[in-house]
Amino acid sequence: MVTGKEKQVMAEEAQERPRKLSPNLRGTRAKVGKVAPASGLFRCEKCGTEVPLKKGAIVPLCPHCKKGLSFIIIAE
């Protein structure tokens, strides 16, 4: 699981980098309980909350709405 400090650092790094996805990851979905396909910033499909995740991490429930069951990768 990503700690609060790691989450903050990843969010800051994501803001500094351009939001440019490689073609093979564009629109990739990650479901709760599955493994994140790449490191980056993921957006909850239900409420739009952005969550930073590392590649290989288990995708958690949305920390904001607790109902979002899938995320879309928006930045690497």
PDB file of N, CA and C in Angstrom:
ATOM      1  N   MET A   1       0.844  -1.176   0.000  1.00  0.00           N
ATOM      2  CA  MET A   1       0.000   0.000   0.000  1.00  0.00           C
ATOM      3  C   MET A   1       0.892   1.243   0.000  1.00  0.00           C
ATOM      4  N   VAL A   2       0.447   2.255  -0.647  1.00  0.00           N
ATOM      5  CA  VAL A   2       1.201   3.503  -0.752  1.00  0.00           C
ATOM      6  C   VAL A   2       0.951   4.333   0.510  1.00  0.00           C
ATOM      7  N   THR A   3       2.035   4.816   1.143  1.00  0.00           N
ATOM      8  CA  THR A   3       1.898   5.641   2.342  1.00  0.00           C
ATOM      9  C   THR A   3       1.510   7.065   1.959  1.00  0.00           C
ATOM     10  N   GLY A   4       1.129   7.850   2.960  1.00  0.00           N
ATOM     11  CA  GLY A   4       0.726   9.233   2.711  1.00  0.00           C
ATOM     12  C   GLY A   4       1.838  10.061   2.091  1.00  0.00           C
ATOM     13  N   LYS A   5       3.063   9.861   2.578  1.00  0.00           N
ATOM     14  CA  LYS A   5       4.207  10.612   2.052  1.00  0.00           C
ATOM     15  C   LYS A   5       4.478  10.226   0.601  1.00  0.00           C
ATOM     16  N   GLU A   6       4.454   8.906   0.301  1.00  0.00           N
ATOM     17  CA  GLU A   6       4.672   8.444  -1.076  1.00  0.00           C
ATOM     18  C   GLU A   6       3.586   8.982  -1.998  1.00  0.00           C
ATOM     19  N   LYS A   7       2.346   9.001  -1.515  1.00  0.00           N
ATOM     20  CA  LYS A   7       1.219   9.499  -2.305  1.00  0.00           C
ATOM     21  C   LYS A   7       1.431  10.968  -2.655  1.00  0.00           C
ATOM     22  N   GLN A   8       1.885  11.753  -1.668  1.00  0.00           N
ATOM     23  CA  GLN A   8       2.125  13.178  -1.896  1.00  0.00           C
ATOM     24  C   GLN A   8       3.245  13.380  -2.911  1.00  0.00           C
ATOM     25  N   VAL A   9       4.335  12.635  -2.768  1.00  0.00           N
ATOM     26  CA  VAL A   9       5.467  12.757  -3.688  1.00  0.00           C
ATOM     27  C   VAL A   9       5.049  12.364  -5.099  1.00  0.00           C
ATOM     28  N   MET A  10       4.302  11.256  -5.237  1.00  0.00           N
ATOM     29  CA  MET A  10       3.863  10.809  -6.561  1.00  0.00           C
ATOM     30  C   MET A  10       2.928  11.829  -7.200  1.00  0.00           C
ATOM     31  N   ALA A  11       2.046  12.434  -6.401  1.00  0.00           N
ATOM     32  CA  ALA A  11       1.122  13.434  -6.937  1.00  0.00           C
ATOM     33  C   ALA A  11       1.887  14.670  -7.416  1.00  0.00           C
ATOM     34  N   GLU A  12       2.892  15.088  -6.639  1.00  0.00           N
ATOM     35  CA  GLU A  12       3.699  16.243  -7.039  1.00  0.00           C
ATOM     36  C   GLU A  12       4.483  15.950  -8.313  1.00  0.00           C
ATOM     37  N   GLU A  13       5.055  14.752  -8.403  1.00  0.00           N
ATOM     38  CA  GLU A  13       5.803  14.376  -9.604  1.00  0.00           C
ATOM     39  C   GLU A  13       4.884  14.321 -10.816  1.00  0.00           C
ATOM     40  N   ALA A  14       3.674  13.825 -10.627  1.00  0.00           N
ATOM     41  CA  ALA A  14       2.728  13.720 -11.736  1.00  0.00           C
ATOM     42  C   ALA A  14       2.327  15.100 -12.246  1.00  0.00           C
ATOM     43  N   GLN A  15       2.239  16.082 -11.341  1.00  0.00           N
ATOM     44  CA  GLN A  15       1.878  17.431 -11.761  1.00  0.00           C
ATOM     45  C   GLN A  15       3.014  18.096 -12.524  1.00  0.00           C
ATOM     46  N   GLU A  16       4.258  17.759 -12.174  1.00  0.00           N
ATOM     47  CA  GLU A  16       5.410  18.352 -12.841  1.00  0.00           C
ATOM     48  C   GLU A  16       5.598  17.794 -14.246  1.00  0.00           C
ATOM     49  N   ARG A  17       5.247  16.526 -14.428  1.00  0.00           N
ATOM     50  CA  ARG A  17       5.420  15.878 -15.733  1.00  0.00           C
ATOM     51  C   ARG A  17       4.214  16.160 -16.618  1.00  0.00           C
ATOM     52  N   PRO A  18       4.421  16.204 -17.909  1.00  0.00           N
ATOM     53  CA  PRO A  18       3.272  16.356 -18.809  1.00  0.00           C
ATOM     54  C   PRO A  18       2.406  15.106 -18.760  1.00  0.00           C
ATOM     55  N   ARG A  19       1.119  15.284 -18.911  1.00  0.00           N
ATOM     56  CA  ARG A  19       0.198  14.150 -18.881  1.00  0.00           C
ATOM     57  C   ARG A  19       0.137  13.506 -20.254  1.00  0.00           C
ATOM     58  N   LYS A  20       1.153  12.766 -20.554  1.00  0.00           N
ATOM     59  CA  LYS A  20       1.265  12.129 -21.855  1.00  0.00           C
ATOM     60  C   LYS A  20       1.350  10.621 -21.648  1.00  0.00           C
ATOM     61  N   LEU A  21       0.401   9.903 -22.184  1.00  0.00           N
ATOM     62  CA  LEU A  21       0.379   8.452 -22.031  1.00  0.00           C
ATOM     63  C   LEU A  21       0.932   7.774 -23.265  1.00  0.00           C
ATOM     64  N   SER A  22       1.580   6.673 -23.046  1.00  0.00           N
ATOM     65  CA  SER A  22       1.996   5.875 -24.195  1.00  0.00           C
ATOM     66  C   SER A  22       0.738   5.269 -24.809  1.00  0.00           C
ATOM     67  N   PRO A  23       0.715   5.053 -26.114  1.00  0.00           N
ATOM     68  CA  PRO A  23      -0.492   4.579 -26.790  1.00  0.00           C
ATOM     69  C   PRO A  23      -1.062   3.280 -26.222  1.00  0.00           C
ATOM     70  N   ASN A  24      -0.208   2.396 -25.727  1.00  0.00           N
ATOM     71  CA  ASN A  24      -0.725   1.122 -25.234  1.00  0.00           C
ATOM     72  C   ASN A  24      -1.377   1.238 -23.858  1.00  0.00           C
ATOM     73  N   LEU A  25      -1.240   2.362 -23.151  1.00  0.00           N
ATOM     74  CA  LEU A  25      -1.871   2.535 -21.841  1.00  0.00           C
ATOM     75  C   LEU A  25      -3.058   3.487 -21.870  1.00  0.00           C
ATOM     76  N   ARG A  26      -3.274   4.174 -22.976  1.00  0.00           N
ATOM     77  CA  ARG A  26      -4.350   5.154 -23.065  1.00  0.00           C
ATOM     78  C   ARG A  26      -5.702   4.489 -22.782  1.00  0.00           C
ATOM     79  N   GLY A  27      -6.404   4.991 -21.761  1.00  0.00           N
ATOM     80  CA  GLY A  27      -7.719   4.474 -21.425  1.00  0.00           C
ATOM     81  C   GLY A  27      -7.709   3.155 -20.675  1.00  0.00           C
ATOM     82  N   THR A  28      -6.559   2.717 -20.205  1.00  0.00           N
ATOM     83  CA  THR A  28      -6.472   1.452 -19.484  1.00  0.00           C
ATOM     84  C   THR A  28      -7.239   1.543 -18.175  1.00  0.00           C
ATOM     85  N   ARG A  29      -8.035   0.530 -17.881  1.00  0.00           N
ATOM     86  CA  ARG A  29      -8.800   0.480 -16.643  1.00  0.00           C
ATOM     87  C   ARG A  29      -8.131  -0.472 -15.662  1.00  0.00           C
ATOM     88  N   ALA A  30      -8.266  -0.146 -14.393  1.00  0.00           N
ATOM     89  CA  ALA A  30      -7.768  -1.009 -13.327  1.00  0.00           C
ATOM     90  C   ALA A  30      -8.912  -1.216 -12.344  1.00  0.00           C
ATOM     91  N   LYS A  31      -9.279  -2.459 -12.104  1.00  0.00           N
ATOM     92  CA  LYS A  31     -10.380  -2.759 -11.196  1.00  0.00           C
ATOM     93  C   LYS A  31      -9.870  -2.970  -9.777  1.00  0.00           C
ATOM     94  N   VAL A  32     -10.724  -2.643  -8.806  1.00  0.00           N
ATOM     95  CA  VAL A  32     -10.390  -2.809  -7.396  1.00  0.00           C
ATOM     96  C   VAL A  32     -10.040  -4.266  -7.120  1.00  0.00           C
ATOM     97  N   GLY A  33      -8.952  -4.458  -6.385  1.00  0.00           N
ATOM     98  CA  GLY A  33      -8.508  -5.802  -6.026  1.00  0.00           C
ATOM     99  C   GLY A  33      -7.563  -6.428  -7.029  1.00  0.00           C
ATOM    100  N   LYS A  34      -7.414  -5.812  -8.183  1.00  0.00           N
ATOM    101  CA  LYS A  34      -6.494  -6.314  -9.209  1.00  0.00           C
ATOM    102  C   LYS A  34      -5.170  -5.559  -9.112  1.00  0.00           C
ATOM    103  N   VAL A  35      -4.185  -5.981  -9.884  1.00  0.00           N
ATOM    104  CA  VAL A  35      -2.864  -5.357  -9.884  1.00  0.00           C
ATOM    105  C   VAL A  35      -2.841  -4.173 -10.850  1.00  0.00           C
ATOM    106  N   ALA A  36      -2.266  -3.048 -10.397  1.00  0.00           N
ATOM    107  CA  ALA A  36      -2.136  -1.863 -11.255  1.00  0.00           C
ATOM    108  C   ALA A  36      -1.206  -2.189 -12.422  1.00  0.00           C
ATOM    109  N   PRO A  37      -1.631  -1.933 -13.671  1.00  0.00           N
ATOM    110  CA  PRO A  37      -0.825  -2.285 -14.840  1.00  0.00           C
ATOM    111  C   PRO A  37       0.394  -1.392 -15.050  1.00  0.00           C
ATOM    112  N   ALA A  38       0.406  -0.216 -14.427  1.00  0.00           N
ATOM    113  CA  ALA A  38       1.527   0.721 -14.587  1.00  0.00           C
ATOM    114  C   ALA A  38       1.539   1.673 -13.402  1.00  0.00           C
ATOM    115  N   SER A  39       2.676   2.314 -13.169  1.00  0.00           N
ATOM    116  CA  SER A  39       2.749   3.354 -12.145  1.00  0.00           C
ATOM    117  C   SER A  39       2.167   4.628 -12.729  1.00  0.00           C
ATOM    118  N   GLY A  40       1.451   5.365 -11.916  1.00  0.00           N
ATOM    119  CA  GLY A  40       0.920   6.623 -12.402  1.00  0.00           C
ATOM    120  C   GLY A  40      -0.264   7.104 -11.607  1.00  0.00           C
ATOM    121  N   LEU A  41      -0.967   8.043 -12.183  1.00  0.00           N
ATOM    122  CA  LEU A  41      -2.128   8.648 -11.557  1.00  0.00           C
ATOM    123  C   LEU A  41      -3.381   8.027 -12.163  1.00  0.00           C
ATOM    124  N   PHE A  42      -4.253   7.524 -11.307  1.00  0.00           N
ATOM    125  CA  PHE A  42      -5.479   6.878 -11.742  1.00  0.00           C
ATOM    126  C   PHE A  42      -6.665   7.707 -11.268  1.00  0.00           C
ATOM    127  N   ARG A  43      -7.721   7.796 -12.099  1.00  0.00           N
ATOM    128  CA  ARG A  43      -8.920   8.556 -11.743  1.00  0.00           C
ATOM    129  C   ARG A  43     -10.086   7.598 -11.525  1.00  0.00           C
ATOM    130  N   CYS A  44     -10.791   7.778 -10.402  1.00  0.00           N
ATOM    131  CA  CYS A  44     -11.970   6.964 -10.082  1.00  0.00           C
ATOM    132  C   CYS A  44     -13.046   7.241 -11.128  1.00  0.00           C
ATOM    133  N   GLU A  45     -13.636   6.187 -11.678  1.00  0.00           N
ATOM    134  CA  GLU A  45     -14.688   6.372 -12.683  1.00  0.00           C
ATOM    135  C   GLU A  45     -15.983   6.880 -12.071  1.00  0.00           C
ATOM    136  N   LYS A  46     -16.175   6.700 -10.779  1.00  0.00           N
ATOM    137  CA  LYS A  46     -17.412   7.103 -10.119  1.00  0.00           C
ATOM    138  C   LYS A  46     -17.403   8.591  -9.729  1.00  0.00           C
ATOM    139  N   CYS A  47     -16.329   9.030  -9.032  1.00  0.00           N
ATOM    140  CA  CYS A  47     -16.324  10.404  -8.509  1.00  0.00           C
ATOM    141  C   CYS A  47     -15.226  11.297  -9.083  1.00  0.00           C
ATOM    142  N   GLY A  48     -14.251  10.718  -9.789  1.00  0.00           N
ATOM    143  CA  GLY A  48     -13.200  11.517 -10.407  1.00  0.00           C
ATOM    144  C   GLY A  48     -11.986  11.792  -9.527  1.00  0.00           C
ATOM    145  N   THR A  49     -11.952  11.226  -8.331  1.00  0.00           N
ATOM    146  CA  THR A  49     -10.797  11.410  -7.447  1.00  0.00           C
ATOM    147  C   THR A  49      -9.559  10.792  -8.078  1.00  0.00           C
ATOM    148  N   GLU A  50      -8.434  11.506  -8.007  1.00  0.00           N
ATOM    149  CA  GLU A  50      -7.181  11.006  -8.568  1.00  0.00           C
ATOM    150  C   GLU A  50      -6.362  10.329  -7.476  1.00  0.00           C
ATOM    151  N   VAL A  51      -5.883   9.119  -7.776  1.00  0.00           N
ATOM    152  CA  VAL A  51      -5.130   8.314  -6.815  1.00  0.00           C
ATOM    153  C   VAL A  51      -3.821   7.865  -7.457  1.00  0.00           C
ATOM    154  N   PRO A  52      -2.669   8.177  -6.841  1.00  0.00           N
ATOM    155  CA  PRO A  52      -1.395   7.689  -7.384  1.00  0.00           C
ATOM    156  C   PRO A  52      -1.164   6.232  -6.977  1.00  0.00           C
ATOM    157  N   LEU A  53      -0.735   5.404  -7.913  1.00  0.00           N
ATOM    158  CA  LEU A  53      -0.445   3.994  -7.635  1.00  0.00           C
ATOM    159  C   LEU A  53       0.857   3.595  -8.301  1.00  0.00           C
ATOM    160  N   LYS A  54       1.538   2.636  -7.697  1.00  0.00           N
ATOM    161  CA  LYS A  54       2.752   2.082  -8.287  1.00  0.00           C
ATOM    162  C   LYS A  54       2.393   0.822  -9.058  1.00  0.00           C
ATOM    163  N   LYS A  55       3.167   0.526 -10.092  1.00  0.00           N
ATOM    164  CA  LYS A  55       2.958  -0.687 -10.870  1.00  0.00           C
ATOM    165  C   LYS A  55       3.079  -1.885  -9.939  1.00  0.00           C
ATOM    166  N   GLY A  56       2.138  -2.796 -10.031  1.00  0.00           N
ATOM    167  CA  GLY A  56       2.154  -3.998  -9.211  1.00  0.00           C
ATOM    168  C   GLY A  56       1.386  -3.870  -7.906  1.00  0.00           C
ATOM    169  N   ALA A  57       0.971  -2.641  -7.542  1.00  0.00           N
ATOM    170  CA  ALA A  57       0.196  -2.446  -6.313  1.00  0.00           C
ATOM    171  C   ALA A  57      -1.232  -2.946  -6.522  1.00  0.00           C
ATOM    172  N   ILE A  58      -1.855  -3.393  -5.449  1.00  0.00           N
ATOM    173  CA  ILE A  58      -3.254  -3.808  -5.516  1.00  0.00           C
ATOM    174  C   ILE A  58      -4.113  -2.542  -5.517  1.00  0.00           C
ATOM    175  N   VAL A  59      -5.034  -2.447  -6.461  1.00  0.00           N
ATOM    176  CA  VAL A  59      -5.891  -1.263  -6.594  1.00  0.00           C
ATOM    177  C   VAL A  59      -6.901  -1.250  -5.442  1.00  0.00           C
ATOM    178  N   PRO A  60      -6.897  -0.168  -4.620  1.00  0.00           N
ATOM    179  CA  PRO A  60      -7.803  -0.080  -3.472  1.00  0.00           C
ATOM    180  C   PRO A  60      -9.167   0.490  -3.867  1.00  0.00           C
ATOM    181  N   LEU A  61     -10.128   0.431  -2.936  1.00  0.00           N
ATOM    182  CA  LEU A  61     -11.383   1.151  -3.125  1.00  0.00           C
ATOM    183  C   LEU A  61     -11.065   2.636  -3.187  1.00  0.00           C
ATOM    184  N   CYS A  62     -11.899   3.392  -3.851  1.00  0.00           N
ATOM    185  CA  CYS A  62     -11.691   4.836  -3.927  1.00  0.00           C
ATOM    186  C   CYS A  62     -11.691   5.414  -2.508  1.00  0.00           C
ATOM    187  N   PRO A  63     -10.652   6.181  -2.141  1.00  0.00           N
ATOM    188  CA  PRO A  63     -10.589   6.742  -0.789  1.00  0.00           C
ATOM    189  C   PRO A  63     -11.639   7.822  -0.533  1.00  0.00           C
ATOM    190  N   HIS A  64     -12.215   8.378  -1.593  1.00  0.00           N
ATOM    191  CA  HIS A  64     -13.197   9.453  -1.431  1.00  0.00           C
ATOM    192  C   HIS A  64     -14.625   8.917  -1.345  1.00  0.00           C
ATOM    193  N   CYS A  65     -15.069   8.212  -2.368  1.00  0.00           N
ATOM    194  CA  CYS A  65     -16.471   7.783  -2.422  1.00  0.00           C
ATOM    195  C   CYS A  65     -16.705   6.370  -1.900  1.00  0.00           C
ATOM    196  N   LYS A  66     -15.670   5.559  -1.799  1.00  0.00           N
ATOM    197  CA  LYS A  66     -15.752   4.163  -1.338  1.00  0.00           C
ATOM    198  C   LYS A  66     -16.652   3.292  -2.215  1.00  0.00           C
ATOM    199  N   LYS A  67     -17.106   3.832  -3.352  1.00  0.00           N
ATOM    200  CA  LYS A  67     -17.985   3.078  -4.247  1.00  0.00           C
ATOM    201  C   LYS A  67     -17.350   2.833  -5.602  1.00  0.00           C
ATOM    202  N   GLY A  68     -16.304   3.593  -5.904  1.00  0.00           N
ATOM    203  CA  GLY A  68     -15.642   3.429  -7.191  1.00  0.00           C
ATOM    204  C   GLY A  68     -14.976   2.072  -7.274  1.00  0.00           C
ATOM    205  N   LEU A  69     -15.349   1.280  -8.248  1.00  0.00           N
ATOM    206  CA  LEU A  69     -14.803  -0.067  -8.378  1.00  0.00           C
ATOM    207  C   LEU A  69     -13.781  -0.180  -9.486  1.00  0.00           C
ATOM    208  N   SER A  70     -13.584   0.901 -10.245  1.00  0.00           N
ATOM    209  CA  SER A  70     -12.544   0.864 -11.269  1.00  0.00           C
ATOM    210  C   SER A  70     -11.976   2.265 -11.474  1.00  0.00           C
ATOM    211  N   PHE A  71     -10.736   2.277 -11.949  1.00  0.00           N
ATOM    212  CA  PHE A  71      -9.999   3.511 -12.183  1.00  0.00           C
ATOM    213  C   PHE A  71      -9.487   3.507 -13.613  1.00  0.00           C
ATOM    214  N   ILE A  72      -9.279   4.695 -14.166  1.00  0.00           N
ATOM    215  CA  ILE A  72      -8.683   4.847 -15.492  1.00  0.00           C
ATOM    216  C   ILE A  72      -7.350   5.551 -15.301  1.00  0.00           C
ATOM    217  N   ILE A  73      -6.299   5.034 -15.942  1.00  0.00           N
ATOM    218  CA  ILE A  73      -4.987   5.674 -15.828  1.00  0.00           C
ATOM    219  C   ILE A  73      -5.009   6.971 -16.637  1.00  0.00           C
ATOM    220  N   ILE A  74      -4.575   8.070 -15.990  1.00  0.00           N
ATOM    221  CA  ILE A  74      -4.602   9.366 -16.669  1.00  0.00           C
ATOM    222  C   ILE A  74      -3.209   9.955 -16.845  1.00  0.00           C
ATOM    223  N   ALA A  75      -2.219   9.474 -16.110  1.00  0.00           N
ATOM    224  CA  ALA A  75      -0.845   9.972 -16.253  1.00  0.00           C
ATOM    225  C   ALA A  75       0.135   8.911 -15.789  1.00  0.00           C
ATOM    226  N   GLU A  76       1.261   8.855 -16.482  1.00  0.00           N
ATOM    227  CA  GLU A  76       2.313   7.906 -16.093  1.00  0.00           C
ATOM    228  C   GLU A  76       3.272   8.584 -15.157  1.00  0.00           C
TER     229      GLU A  76
END
